[in-house]
Amino acid sequence: MKDFNKWHKQKSNLHENKVRLHFHERDVWFTFLGANIGYEQDGKGDEFLRPIIIFKKFNNETLWGITLTSKKKNGKYYFVFDHDKGRMSTANLSQFKLIDSKRLKYQIGSISEKDFKELKKRIIDLIK
């Protein structure tokens, strides 16, 4: 069973946090995503963390992020790539979302320019 109460308490603390971390497009970060509803991807563990790719930086406060999984998945809604030291990840293209930078915890890597270019193409093809 999901612990929504624990997540709501943590989310309130994140909201009050005034610290914003410096980030860039193509970065891969562990992010406080929380306990979500239905098929929305949740964060895991006590801190409700999940890795994301920073797809678009709008300013120092907001970004578009795409959630990642370590499971290899195929199909038009997934993009498998290698980041930093051979770590394979799958971007779940259907879980594309606006994220406040207060949710960022720490950077774990980055996606290559080549893969990022392909990821952009896949997103554009998906929304056509």
Protein backbone atom coordinates (compact mmCIF):
# COMPACT_ATOMS: atom_id res chain seq x y z
CA MET A 1 0.00 0.00 0.00
CA LYS A 2 1.27 3.47 -0.86
CA ASP A 3 2.13 5.79 2.02
CA PHE A 4 0.55 9.02 0.76
CA ASN A 5 0.74 10.62 4.21
CA LYS A 6 4.52 10.15 4.37
CA TRP A 7 4.87 11.58 0.86
CA HIS A 8 2.67 14.60 1.62
CA LYS A 9 4.83 15.44 4.65
CA GLN A 10 8.00 15.18 2.55
CA LYS A 11 6.42 17.21 -0.27
CA SER A 12 5.56 20.00 2.19
CA ASN A 13 9.20 20.09 3.31
CA LEU A 14 10.41 20.24 -0.30
CA HIS A 15 8.02 23.09 -1.03
CA GLU A 16 9.43 25.13 1.88
CA ASN A 17 13.02 24.43 0.82
CA LYS A 18 14.50 27.57 -0.78
CA VAL A 19 17.64 25.85 -2.16
CA ARG A 20 17.73 25.28 -5.91
CA LEU A 21 20.43 23.16 -7.48
CA HIS A 22 22.20 23.98 -10.73
CA PHE A 23 21.19 21.66 -13.60
CA HIS A 24 21.43 21.33 -17.41
CA GLU A 25 19.58 19.67 -20.23
CA ARG A 26 20.85 16.08 -20.80
CA ASP A 27 21.60 15.63 -17.08
CA VAL A 28 20.32 12.52 -15.31
CA TRP A 29 19.20 13.24 -11.72
CA PHE A 30 17.61 11.37 -8.86
CA THR A 31 14.43 13.31 -8.18
CA PHE A 32 11.79 13.32 -5.43
CA LEU A 33 8.80 12.13 -7.50
CA GLY A 34 6.61 10.92 -4.69
CA ALA A 35 3.75 8.48 -4.34
CA ASN A 36 1.49 8.88 -7.34
CA ILE A 37 -1.87 7.64 -8.54
CA GLY A 38 -2.58 4.68 -10.83
CA TYR A 39 -0.03 4.15 -13.59
CA GLU A 40 2.00 7.30 -12.91
CA GLN A 41 5.55 6.29 -12.01
CA ASP A 42 6.36 6.58 -8.32
CA GLY A 43 9.57 7.44 -6.61
CA LYS A 44 11.04 4.54 -4.64
CA GLY A 45 12.37 4.04 -1.14
CA ASP A 46 11.98 6.26 1.92
CA GLU A 47 12.61 9.43 -0.10
CA PHE A 48 10.37 8.53 -3.07
CA LEU A 49 13.25 8.97 -5.54
CA ARG A 50 13.35 8.12 -9.25
CA PRO A 51 15.90 9.03 -11.91
CA ILE A 52 14.91 11.43 -14.69
CA ILE A 53 16.50 12.94 -17.78
CA ILE A 54 16.31 16.72 -17.87
CA PHE A 55 14.80 17.16 -21.32
CA LYS A 56 14.21 20.93 -21.33
CA LYS A 57 15.35 23.61 -18.89
CA PHE A 58 12.98 26.57 -18.91
CA ASN A 59 14.70 28.54 -16.13
CA ASN A 60 16.31 27.81 -12.75
CA GLU A 61 12.95 26.79 -11.31
CA THR A 62 11.26 24.52 -13.87
CA LEU A 63 12.11 21.78 -16.33
CA TRP A 64 10.60 19.03 -18.40
CA GLY A 65 11.76 15.65 -17.18
CA ILE A 66 11.33 12.10 -18.42
CA THR A 67 11.29 9.31 -15.86
CA LEU A 68 13.70 6.40 -16.16
CA THR A 69 13.68 2.74 -15.27
CA SER A 70 16.55 0.25 -15.13
CA LYS A 71 14.37 -2.36 -16.90
CA LYS A 72 14.89 -2.65 -20.64
CA LYS A 73 11.59 -1.98 -22.41
CA ASN A 74 10.87 -1.78 -26.12
CA GLY A 75 8.22 0.01 -28.13
CA LYS A 76 7.30 3.50 -29.26
CA TYR A 77 6.82 4.73 -25.68
CA TYR A 78 10.34 3.76 -24.56
CA PHE A 79 13.89 4.84 -25.39
CA VAL A 80 16.81 2.67 -24.23
CA PHE A 81 20.18 4.38 -23.86
CA ASP A 82 23.54 4.07 -22.16
CA HIS A 83 24.73 6.73 -19.74
CA ASP A 84 27.97 7.04 -17.84
CA LYS A 85 30.08 3.95 -17.39
CA GLY A 86 27.81 1.59 -19.31
CA ARG A 87 24.68 2.01 -17.19
CA MET A 88 21.64 1.15 -19.32
CA SER A 89 18.38 2.98 -18.70
CA THR A 90 15.00 3.17 -20.35
CA ALA A 91 13.24 6.52 -20.67
CA ASN A 92 9.49 6.15 -20.32
CA LEU A 93 8.38 8.68 -22.94
CA SER A 94 4.76 8.60 -21.78
CA GLN A 95 5.89 9.86 -18.33
CA PHE A 96 7.09 13.23 -19.66
CA LYS A 97 6.31 15.90 -17.04
CA LEU A 98 6.88 19.41 -15.74
CA ILE A 99 9.06 19.32 -12.61
CA ASP A 100 10.04 22.04 -10.16
CA SER A 101 13.80 22.07 -9.55
CA LYS A 102 13.15 21.82 -5.79
CA ARG A 103 12.48 18.12 -6.47
CA LEU A 104 16.07 17.49 -7.68
CA LYS A 105 18.26 15.61 -5.20
CA TYR A 106 21.56 14.75 -6.95
CA GLN A 107 22.98 14.24 -10.41
CA ILE A 108 23.98 10.69 -11.37
CA GLY A 109 25.15 11.21 -14.93
CA SER A 110 24.23 12.54 -18.34
CA ILE A 111 23.03 11.26 -21.69
CA SER A 112 25.31 11.63 -24.73
CA GLU A 113 24.57 14.34 -27.28
CA LYS A 114 23.93 11.64 -29.91
CA ASP A 115 21.38 9.81 -27.72
CA PHE A 116 19.79 13.08 -26.65
CA LYS A 117 19.29 14.05 -30.29
CA GLU A 118 17.59 10.69 -30.91
CA LEU A 119 15.48 11.11 -27.76
CA LYS A 120 14.27 14.50 -29.02
CA LYS A 121 13.34 12.93 -32.35
CA ARG A 122 11.40 10.17 -30.57
CA ILE A 123 9.46 12.71 -28.46
CA ILE A 124 8.57 14.79 -31.53
CA ASP A 125 7.45 11.64 -33.40
CA LEU A 126 5.34 10.63 -30.42
CA ILE A 127 3.38 13.89 -30.26
CA LYS A 128 2.80 14.28 -34.01
